[in-house]
Amino acid sequence: IFTSACKLLTTDFPIGTPGSSVTTPSPCGDPSVYYQ
């Protein structure tokens, strides 16, 4: 469920810069669940 304040986007969703947010995932999986 979404509140009425949440509106559907009617324009193009912004495109980020490829590679700017690339992170290497932990080999352990979710770091909030597993510690390496």
Full PDB file with SEQRES, HELIX, SHEET, SSBOND, CRYST1, ORIGX, SCALE, CONECT and MASTER records, all heavy atoms in Angstrom:
SEQRES   1 A   36  ILE PHE THR SER ALA CYS LYS LEU LEU THR THR ASP PHE          
SEQRES   2 A   36  PRO ILE GLY THR PRO GLY SER SER VAL THR THR PRO SER          
SEQRES   3 A   36  PRO CYS GLY ASP PRO SER VAL TYR TYR GLN                      
CRYST1    1.000    1.000    1.000  90.00  90.00  90.00 P 1           1          
ORIGX1      1.000000  0.000000  0.000000        0.00000                         
ORIGX2      0.000000  1.000000  0.000000        0.00000                         
ORIGX3      0.000000  0.000000  1.000000        0.00000                         
SCALE1      1.000000  0.000000  0.000000        0.00000                         
SCALE2      0.000000  1.000000  0.000000        0.00000                         
SCALE3      0.000000  0.000000  1.000000        0.00000                         
ATOM      1  N   ILE A   1       0.848  -1.191   0.000  1.00  0.00           N  
ATOM      2  CA  ILE A   1       0.000   0.000   0.000  1.00  0.00           C  
ATOM      3  C   ILE A   1       0.887   1.246   0.000  1.00  0.00           C  
ATOM      4  O   ILE A   1       1.872   1.313   0.721  1.00  0.00           O  
ATOM      5  CB  ILE A   1      -0.914   0.017   1.239  1.00  0.00           C  
ATOM      6  CG1 ILE A   1      -1.794  -1.244   1.244  1.00  0.00           C  
ATOM      7  CG2 ILE A   1      -1.759   1.284   1.283  1.00  0.00           C  
ATOM      8  CD1 ILE A   1      -2.531  -1.456   2.555  1.00  0.00           C  
ATOM      9  N   PHE A   2       0.511   2.229  -0.816  1.00  0.00           N  
ATOM     10  CA  PHE A   2       1.228   3.497  -0.865  1.00  0.00           C  
ATOM     11  C   PHE A   2       0.282   4.601  -0.406  1.00  0.00           C  
ATOM     12  O   PHE A   2      -0.915   4.569  -0.702  1.00  0.00           O  
ATOM     13  CB  PHE A   2       1.699   3.794  -2.296  1.00  0.00           C  
ATOM     14  CG  PHE A   2       2.660   2.763  -2.821  1.00  0.00           C  
ATOM     15  CD1 PHE A   2       2.211   1.664  -3.534  1.00  0.00           C  
ATOM     16  CD2 PHE A   2       4.017   2.883  -2.588  1.00  0.00           C  
ATOM     17  CE1 PHE A   2       3.086   0.712  -4.009  1.00  0.00           C  
ATOM     18  CE2 PHE A   2       4.908   1.934  -3.048  1.00  0.00           C  
ATOM     19  CZ  PHE A   2       4.441   0.840  -3.765  1.00  0.00           C  
ATOM     20  N   THR A   3       0.813   5.591   0.299  1.00  0.00           N  
ATOM     21  CA  THR A   3      -0.028   6.710   0.727  1.00  0.00           C  
ATOM     22  C   THR A   3      -0.377   7.569  -0.481  1.00  0.00           C  
ATOM     23  O   THR A   3       0.233   7.464  -1.543  1.00  0.00           O  
ATOM     24  CB  THR A   3       0.700   7.588   1.768  1.00  0.00           C  
ATOM     25  OG1 THR A   3       1.802   8.236   1.137  1.00  0.00           O  
ATOM     26  CG2 THR A   3       1.161   6.766   2.959  1.00  0.00           C  
ATOM     27  N   SER A   4      -1.333   8.456  -0.304  1.00  0.00           N  
ATOM     28  CA  SER A   4      -1.750   9.346  -1.399  1.00  0.00           C  
ATOM     29  C   SER A   4      -0.653  10.337  -1.771  1.00  0.00           C  
ATOM     30  O   SER A   4      -0.676  10.914  -2.857  1.00  0.00           O  
ATOM     31  CB  SER A   4      -3.021  10.097  -1.009  1.00  0.00           C  
ATOM     32  OG  SER A   4      -2.780  10.868   0.153  1.00  0.00           O  
ATOM     33  N   ALA A   5       0.334  10.519  -0.905  1.00  0.00           N  
ATOM     34  CA  ALA A   5       1.448  11.418  -1.220  1.00  0.00           C  
ATOM     35  C   ALA A   5       2.387  10.815  -2.262  1.00  0.00           C  
ATOM     36  O   ALA A   5       3.152  11.528  -2.899  1.00  0.00           O  
ATOM     37  CB  ALA A   5       2.233  11.740   0.049  1.00  0.00           C  
ATOM     38  N   CYS A   6       2.322   9.511  -2.457  1.00  0.00           N  
ATOM     39  CA  CYS A   6       3.169   8.839  -3.447  1.00  0.00           C  
ATOM     40  C   CYS A   6       2.485   8.914  -4.804  1.00  0.00           C  
ATOM     41  O   CYS A   6       1.380   8.387  -4.994  1.00  0.00           O  
ATOM     42  CB  CYS A   6       3.394   7.392  -3.028  1.00  0.00           C  
ATOM     43  SG  CYS A   6       4.611   6.550  -4.042  1.00  0.00           S  
ATOM     44  N   LYS A   7       3.112   9.580  -5.748  1.00  0.00           N  
ATOM     45  CA  LYS A   7       2.525   9.797  -7.076  1.00  0.00           C  
ATOM     46  C   LYS A   7       3.288   9.018  -8.135  1.00  0.00           C  
ATOM     47  O   LYS A   7       4.521   8.937  -8.087  1.00  0.00           O  
ATOM     48  CB  LYS A   7       2.561  11.290  -7.444  1.00  0.00           C  
ATOM     49  CG  LYS A   7       1.871  12.195  -6.442  1.00  0.00           C  
ATOM     50  CD  LYS A   7       0.391  11.974  -6.435  1.00  0.00           C  
ATOM     51  CE  LYS A   7      -0.280  12.948  -5.486  1.00  0.00           C  
ATOM     52  NZ  LYS A   7      -1.618  12.598  -5.163  1.00  0.00           N  
ATOM     53  N   LEU A   8       2.581   8.498  -9.122  1.00  0.00           N  
ATOM     54  CA  LEU A   8       3.196   7.797 -10.238  1.00  0.00           C  
ATOM     55  C   LEU A   8       3.962   8.788 -11.096  1.00  0.00           C  
ATOM     56  O   LEU A   8       3.452   9.865 -11.440  1.00  0.00           O  
ATOM     57  CB  LEU A   8       2.105   7.100 -11.068  1.00  0.00           C  
ATOM     58  CG  LEU A   8       2.594   6.231 -12.213  1.00  0.00           C  
ATOM     59  CD1 LEU A   8       3.416   5.052 -11.672  1.00  0.00           C  
ATOM     60  CD2 LEU A   8       1.414   5.710 -13.007  1.00  0.00           C  
ATOM     61  N   LEU A   9       5.187   8.454 -11.469  1.00  0.00           N  
ATOM     62  CA  LEU A   9       6.023   9.327 -12.289  1.00  0.00           C  
ATOM     63  C   LEU A   9       5.486   9.345 -13.715  1.00  0.00           C  
ATOM     64  O   LEU A   9       5.276   8.291 -14.322  1.00  0.00           O  
ATOM     65  CB  LEU A   9       7.479   8.842 -12.265  1.00  0.00           C  
ATOM     66  CG  LEU A   9       8.497   9.692 -12.982  1.00  0.00           C  
ATOM     67  CD1 LEU A   9       8.606  11.067 -12.320  1.00  0.00           C  
ATOM     68  CD2 LEU A   9       9.855   9.002 -12.982  1.00  0.00           C  
ATOM     69  N   THR A  10       5.237  10.513 -14.258  1.00  0.00           N  
ATOM     70  CA  THR A  10       4.690  10.627 -15.620  1.00  0.00           C  
ATOM     71  C   THR A  10       5.749  11.060 -16.626  1.00  0.00           C  
ATOM     72  O   THR A  10       5.443  11.230 -17.796  1.00  0.00           O  
ATOM     73  CB  THR A  10       3.516  11.630 -15.641  1.00  0.00           C  
ATOM     74  OG1 THR A  10       3.979  12.893 -15.164  1.00  0.00           O  
ATOM     75  CG2 THR A  10       2.359  11.124 -14.788  1.00  0.00           C  
ATOM     76  N   THR A  11       6.988  11.246 -16.181  1.00  0.00           N  
ATOM     77  CA  THR A  11       8.086  11.584 -17.083  1.00  0.00           C  
ATOM     78  C   THR A  11       9.101  10.440 -17.041  1.00  0.00           C  
ATOM     79  O   THR A  11       8.911   9.463 -16.320  1.00  0.00           O  
ATOM     80  CB  THR A  11       8.774  12.900 -16.635  1.00  0.00           C  
ATOM     81  OG1 THR A  11       9.282  12.731 -15.303  1.00  0.00           O  
ATOM     82  CG2 THR A  11       7.792  14.061 -16.661  1.00  0.00           C  
ATOM     83  N   ASP A  12      10.169  10.564 -17.829  1.00  0.00           N  
ATOM     84  CA  ASP A  12      11.204   9.532 -17.830  1.00  0.00           C  
ATOM     85  C   ASP A  12      11.942   9.509 -16.497  1.00  0.00           C  
ATOM     86  O   ASP A  12      12.231  10.560 -15.916  1.00  0.00           O  
ATOM     87  CB  ASP A  12      12.211   9.777 -18.950  1.00  0.00           C  
ATOM     88  CG  ASP A  12      11.600   9.544 -20.329  1.00  0.00           C  
ATOM     89  OD1 ASP A  12      10.618   8.771 -20.417  1.00  0.00           O  
ATOM     90  OD2 ASP A  12      12.106  10.121 -21.298  1.00  0.00           O  
ATOM     91  N   PHE A  13      12.226   8.319 -16.036  1.00  0.00           N  
ATOM     92  CA  PHE A  13      12.998   8.159 -14.802  1.00  0.00           C  
ATOM     93  C   PHE A  13      14.447   8.539 -15.112  1.00  0.00           C  
ATOM     94  O   PHE A  13      14.987   8.147 -16.151  1.00  0.00           O  
ATOM     95  CB  PHE A  13      12.907   6.708 -14.329  1.00  0.00           C  
ATOM     96  CG  PHE A  13      13.424   6.482 -12.937  1.00  0.00           C  
ATOM     97  CD1 PHE A  13      12.855   7.118 -11.846  1.00  0.00           C  
ATOM     98  CD2 PHE A  13      14.483   5.620 -12.710  1.00  0.00           C  
ATOM     99  CE1 PHE A  13      13.320   6.898 -10.560  1.00  0.00           C  
ATOM    100  CE2 PHE A  13      14.951   5.396 -11.432  1.00  0.00           C  
ATOM    101  CZ  PHE A  13      14.377   6.039 -10.354  1.00  0.00           C  
ATOM    102  N   PRO A  14      15.100   9.310 -14.248  1.00  0.00           N  
ATOM    103  CA  PRO A  14      16.481   9.729 -14.521  1.00  0.00           C  
ATOM    104  C   PRO A  14      17.421   8.539 -14.710  1.00  0.00           C  
ATOM    105  O   PRO A  14      17.228   7.475 -14.120  1.00  0.00           O  
ATOM    106  CB  PRO A  14      16.876  10.515 -13.267  1.00  0.00           C  
ATOM    107  CG  PRO A  14      15.597  10.871 -12.603  1.00  0.00           C  
ATOM    108  CD  PRO A  14      14.608   9.826 -12.981  1.00  0.00           C  
ATOM    109  N   ILE A  15      18.431   8.735 -15.537  1.00  0.00           N  
ATOM    110  CA  ILE A  15      19.435   7.699 -15.777  1.00  0.00           C  
ATOM    111  C   ILE A  15      20.718   8.106 -15.076  1.00  0.00           C  
ATOM    112  O   ILE A  15      21.235   9.203 -15.304  1.00  0.00           O  
ATOM    113  CB  ILE A  15      19.684   7.506 -17.288  1.00  0.00           C  
ATOM    114  CG1 ILE A  15      18.395   7.013 -17.953  1.00  0.00           C  
ATOM    115  CG2 ILE A  15      20.835   6.524 -17.516  1.00  0.00           C  
ATOM    116  CD1 ILE A  15      18.476   6.877 -19.446  1.00  0.00           C  
ATOM    117  N   GLY A  16      21.215   7.239 -14.217  1.00  0.00           N  
ATOM    118  CA  GLY A  16      22.462   7.507 -13.506  1.00  0.00           C  
ATOM    119  C   GLY A  16      23.659   7.218 -14.390  1.00  0.00           C  
ATOM    120  O   GLY A  16      23.538   6.659 -15.488  1.00  0.00           O  
ATOM    121  N   THR A  17      24.816   7.573 -13.922  1.00  0.00           N  
ATOM    122  CA  THR A  17      26.037   7.316 -14.659  1.00  0.00           C  
ATOM    123  C   THR A  17      26.462   5.873 -14.434  1.00  0.00           C  
ATOM    124  O   THR A  17      26.727   5.484 -13.296  1.00  0.00           O  
ATOM    125  CB  THR A  17      27.174   8.252 -14.172  1.00  0.00           C  
ATOM    126  OG1 THR A  17      26.709   9.588 -14.250  1.00  0.00           O  
ATOM    127  CG2 THR A  17      28.422   8.062 -14.990  1.00  0.00           C  
ATOM    128  N   PRO A  18      26.519   5.062 -15.515  1.00  0.00           N  
ATOM    129  CA  PRO A  18      26.936   3.668 -15.328  1.00  0.00           C  
ATOM    130  C   PRO A  18      28.318   3.610 -14.685  1.00  0.00           C  
ATOM    131  O   PRO A  18      29.213   4.374 -15.033  1.00  0.00           O  
ATOM    132  CB  PRO A  18      26.977   3.104 -16.744  1.00  0.00           C  
ATOM    133  CG  PRO A  18      26.063   3.988 -17.526  1.00  0.00           C  
ATOM    134  CD  PRO A  18      26.192   5.358 -16.892  1.00  0.00           C  
ATOM    135  N   GLY A  19      28.456   2.719 -13.736  1.00  0.00           N  
ATOM    136  CA  GLY A  19      29.737   2.539 -13.076  1.00  0.00           C  
ATOM    137  C   GLY A  19      29.922   3.427 -11.858  1.00  0.00           C  
ATOM    138  O   GLY A  19      30.770   3.158 -11.029  1.00  0.00           O  
ATOM    139  N   SER A  20      29.129   4.493 -11.731  1.00  0.00           N  
ATOM    140  CA  SER A  20      29.326   5.390 -10.599  1.00  0.00           C  
ATOM    141  C   SER A  20      28.881   4.765  -9.286  1.00  0.00           C  
ATOM    142  O   SER A  20      29.297   5.196  -8.232  1.00  0.00           O  
ATOM    143  CB  SER A  20      28.590   6.711 -10.825  1.00  0.00           C  
ATOM    144  OG  SER A  20      27.200   6.476 -10.859  1.00  0.00           O  
ATOM    145  N   SER A  21      28.033   3.761  -9.360  1.00  0.00           N  
ATOM    146  CA  SER A  21      27.552   3.151  -8.125  1.00  0.00           C  
ATOM    147  C   SER A  21      27.843   1.662  -8.074  1.00  0.00           C  
ATOM    148  O   SER A  21      27.230   0.937  -7.327  1.00  0.00           O  
ATOM    149  CB  SER A  21      26.048   3.388  -7.999  1.00  0.00           C  
ATOM    150  OG  SER A  21      25.382   2.718  -9.053  1.00  0.00           O  
ATOM    151  N   VAL A  22      28.779   1.209  -8.897  1.00  0.00           N  
ATOM    152  CA  VAL A  22      29.092  -0.210  -8.906  1.00  0.00           C  
ATOM    153  C   VAL A  22      29.861  -0.565  -7.648  1.00  0.00           C  
ATOM    154  O   VAL A  22      30.863   0.054  -7.322  1.00  0.00           O  
ATOM    155  CB  VAL A  22      29.923  -0.586 -10.154  1.00  0.00           C  
ATOM    156  CG1 VAL A  22      30.356  -2.034 -10.096  1.00  0.00           C  
ATOM    157  CG2 VAL A  22      29.125  -0.314 -11.406  1.00  0.00           C  
ATOM    158  N   THR A  23      29.361  -1.532  -6.933  1.00  0.00           N  
ATOM    159  CA  THR A  23      30.062  -2.016  -5.754  1.00  0.00           C  
ATOM    160  C   THR A  23      30.234  -3.518  -5.897  1.00  0.00           C  
ATOM    161  O   THR A  23      29.432  -4.188  -6.546  1.00  0.00           O  
ATOM    162  CB  THR A  23      29.272  -1.724  -4.464  1.00  0.00           C  
ATOM    163  OG1 THR A  23      27.983  -2.335  -4.573  1.00  0.00           O  
ATOM    164  CG2 THR A  23      29.116  -0.241  -4.228  1.00  0.00           C  
ATOM    165  N   THR A  24      31.275  -4.031  -5.333  1.00  0.00           N  
ATOM    166  CA  THR A  24      31.501  -5.467  -5.361  1.00  0.00           C  
ATOM    167  C   THR A  24      30.706  -6.103  -4.236  1.00  0.00           C  
ATOM    168  O   THR A  24      30.917  -5.757  -3.078  1.00  0.00           O  
ATOM    169  CB  THR A  24      32.995  -5.787  -5.174  1.00  0.00           C  
ATOM    170  OG1 THR A  24      33.726  -5.099  -6.175  1.00  0.00           O  
ATOM    171  CG2 THR A  24      33.250  -7.273  -5.269  1.00  0.00           C  
ATOM    172  N   PRO A  25      29.757  -6.983  -4.580  1.00  0.00           N  
ATOM    173  CA  PRO A  25      28.970  -7.596  -3.523  1.00  0.00           C  
ATOM    174  C   PRO A  25      29.844  -8.471  -2.627  1.00  0.00           C  
ATOM    175  O   PRO A  25      30.814  -9.051  -3.075  1.00  0.00           O  
ATOM    176  CB  PRO A  25      27.933  -8.430  -4.269  1.00  0.00           C  
ATOM    177  CG  PRO A  25      28.394  -8.519  -5.661  1.00  0.00           C  
ATOM    178  CD  PRO A  25      29.409  -7.446  -5.888  1.00  0.00           C  
ATOM    179  N   SER A  26      29.474  -8.524  -1.377  1.00  0.00           N  
ATOM    180  CA  SER A  26      30.211  -9.351  -0.432  1.00  0.00           C  
ATOM    181  C   SER A  26      30.037 -10.818  -0.807  1.00  0.00           C  
ATOM    182  O   SER A  26      28.932 -11.255  -1.125  1.00  0.00           O  
ATOM    183  CB  SER A  26      29.670  -9.115   0.983  1.00  0.00           C  
ATOM    184  OG  SER A  26      30.168 -10.093   1.854  1.00  0.00           O  
ATOM    185  N   PRO A  27      31.114 -11.598  -0.765  1.00  0.00           N  
ATOM    186  CA  PRO A  27      30.980 -13.030  -1.053  1.00  0.00           C  
ATOM    187  C   PRO A  27      30.136 -13.748  -0.005  1.00  0.00           C  
ATOM    188  O   PRO A  27      29.718 -14.875  -0.216  1.00  0.00           O  
ATOM    189  CB  PRO A  27      32.431 -13.542  -1.043  1.00  0.00           C  
ATOM    190  CG  PRO A  27      33.202 -12.521  -0.310  1.00  0.00           C  
ATOM    191  CD  PRO A  27      32.488 -11.217  -0.480  1.00  0.00           C  
ATOM    192  N   CYS A  28      29.877 -13.086   1.106  1.00  0.00           N  
ATOM    193  CA  CYS A  28      29.069 -13.679   2.164  1.00  0.00           C  
ATOM    194  C   CYS A  28      27.580 -13.425   1.966  1.00  0.00           C  
ATOM    195  O   CYS A  28      26.764 -13.917   2.717  1.00  0.00           O  
ATOM    196  CB  CYS A  28      29.486 -13.110   3.521  1.00  0.00           C  
ATOM    197  SG  CYS A  28      31.189 -13.497   3.947  1.00  0.00           S  
ATOM    198  N   GLY A  29      27.225 -12.610   0.990  1.00  0.00           N  
ATOM    199  CA  GLY A  29      25.827 -12.253   0.823  1.00  0.00           C  
ATOM    200  C   GLY A  29      25.511 -10.976   1.579  1.00  0.00           C  
ATOM    201  O   GLY A  29      26.370 -10.114   1.754  1.00  0.00           O  
ATOM    202  N   ASP A  30      24.306 -10.866   2.041  1.00  0.00           N  
ATOM    203  CA  ASP A  30      23.825  -9.661   2.714  1.00  0.00           C  
ATOM    204  C   ASP A  30      24.669  -9.380   3.958  1.00  0.00           C  
ATOM    205  O   ASP A  30      24.667 -10.162   4.910  1.00  0.00           O  
ATOM    206  CB  ASP A  30      22.362  -9.850   3.103  1.00  0.00           C  
ATOM    207  CG  ASP A  30      21.727  -8.614   3.702  1.00  0.00           C  
ATOM    208  OD1 ASP A  30      22.445  -7.669   4.078  1.00  0.00           O  
ATOM    209  OD2 ASP A  30      20.490  -8.599   3.814  1.00  0.00           O  
ATOM    210  N   PRO A  31      25.392  -8.231   3.994  1.00  0.00           N  
ATOM    211  CA  PRO A  31      26.239  -7.935   5.145  1.00  0.00           C  
ATOM    212  C   PRO A  31      25.463  -7.676   6.435  1.00  0.00           C  
ATOM    213  O   PRO A  31      26.037  -7.689   7.511  1.00  0.00           O  
ATOM    214  CB  PRO A  31      27.032  -6.695   4.716  1.00  0.00           C  
ATOM    215  CG  PRO A  31      26.321  -6.130   3.552  1.00  0.00           C  
ATOM    216  CD  PRO A  31      25.518  -7.231   2.948  1.00  0.00           C  
ATOM    217  N   SER A  32      24.160  -7.456   6.338  1.00  0.00           N  
ATOM    218  CA  SER A  32      23.383  -7.317   7.566  1.00  0.00           C  
ATOM    219  C   SER A  32      23.054  -8.681   8.166  1.00  0.00           C  
ATOM    220  O   SER A  32      22.644  -8.776   9.308  1.00  0.00           O  
ATOM    221  CB  SER A  32      22.098  -6.530   7.304  1.00  0.00           C  
ATOM    222  OG  SER A  32      21.216  -7.273   6.497  1.00  0.00           O  
ATOM    223  N   VAL A  33      23.283  -9.749   7.386  1.00  0.00           N  
ATOM    224  CA  VAL A  33      23.008 -11.104   7.851  1.00  0.00           C  
ATOM    225  C   VAL A  33      24.299 -11.863   8.149  1.00  0.00           C  
ATOM    226  O   VAL A  33      24.391 -12.596   9.121  1.00  0.00           O  
ATOM    227  CB  VAL A  33      22.179 -11.886   6.807  1.00  0.00           C  
ATOM    228  CG1 VAL A  33      21.926 -13.311   7.250  1.00  0.00           C  
ATOM    229  CG2 VAL A  33      20.870 -11.171   6.519  1.00  0.00           C  
ATOM    230  N   TYR A  34      25.332 -11.664   7.284  1.00  0.00           N  
ATOM    231  CA  TYR A  34      26.582 -12.398   7.422  1.00  0.00           C  
ATOM    232  C   TYR A  34      27.774 -11.451   7.550  1.00  0.00           C  
ATOM    233  O   TYR A  34      27.790 -10.377   6.971  1.00  0.00           O  
ATOM    234  CB  TYR A  34      26.804 -13.323   6.217  1.00  0.00           C  
ATOM    235  CG  TYR A  34      25.836 -14.472   6.221  1.00  0.00           C  
ATOM    236  CD1 TYR A  34      24.702 -14.432   5.435  1.00  0.00           C  
ATOM    237  CD2 TYR A  34      26.047 -15.573   7.021  1.00  0.00           C  
ATOM    238  CE1 TYR A  34      23.797 -15.476   5.452  1.00  0.00           C  
ATOM    239  CE2 TYR A  34      25.144 -16.621   7.058  1.00  0.00           C  
ATOM    240  CZ  TYR A  34      24.027 -16.567   6.264  1.00  0.00           C  
ATOM    241  OH  TYR A  34      23.139 -17.592   6.298  1.00  0.00           O  
ATOM    242  N   TYR A  35      28.767 -11.892   8.307  1.00  0.00           N  
ATOM    243  CA  TYR A  35      29.999 -11.151   8.521  1.00  0.00           C  
ATOM    244  C   TYR A  35      31.130 -11.897   7.826  1.00  0.00           C  
ATOM    245  O   TYR A  35      31.246 -13.123   7.971  1.00  0.00           O  
ATOM    246  CB  TYR A  35      30.275 -11.046  10.023  1.00  0.00           C  
ATOM    247  CG  TYR A  35      31.623 -10.476  10.374  1.00  0.00           C  
ATOM    248  CD1 TYR A  35      31.834  -9.104  10.386  1.00  0.00           C  
ATOM    249  CD2 TYR A  35      32.689 -11.315  10.694  1.00  0.00           C  
ATOM    250  CE1 TYR A  35      33.074  -8.577  10.715  1.00  0.00           C  
ATOM    251  CE2 TYR A  35      33.919 -10.794  11.027  1.00  0.00           C  
ATOM    252  CZ  TYR A  35      34.107  -9.426  11.027  1.00  0.00           C  
ATOM    253  OH  TYR A  35      35.333  -8.903  11.335  1.00  0.00           O  
ATOM    254  N   GLN A  36      31.978 -11.164   7.081  1.00  0.00           N  
ATOM    255  CA  GLN A  36      33.122 -11.785   6.433  1.00  0.00           C  
ATOM    256  C   GLN A  36      34.350 -11.599   7.318  1.00  0.00           C  
ATOM    257  O   GLN A  36      34.725 -10.474   7.656  1.00  0.00           O  
ATOM    258  CB  GLN A  36      33.372 -11.176   5.063  1.00  0.00           C  
ATOM    259  CG  GLN A  36      34.512 -11.864   4.328  1.00  0.00           C  
ATOM    260  CD  GLN A  36      34.713 -11.332   2.929  1.00  0.00           C  
ATOM    261  OE1 GLN A  36      34.107 -10.354   2.527  1.00  0.00           O  
ATOM    262  NE2 GLN A  36      35.576 -11.984   2.179  1.00  0.00           N  
TER     263      GLN A  36                                                      
MASTER        0    0    0    0    0    0    0    6  262    1    0    3          
END                                                                             
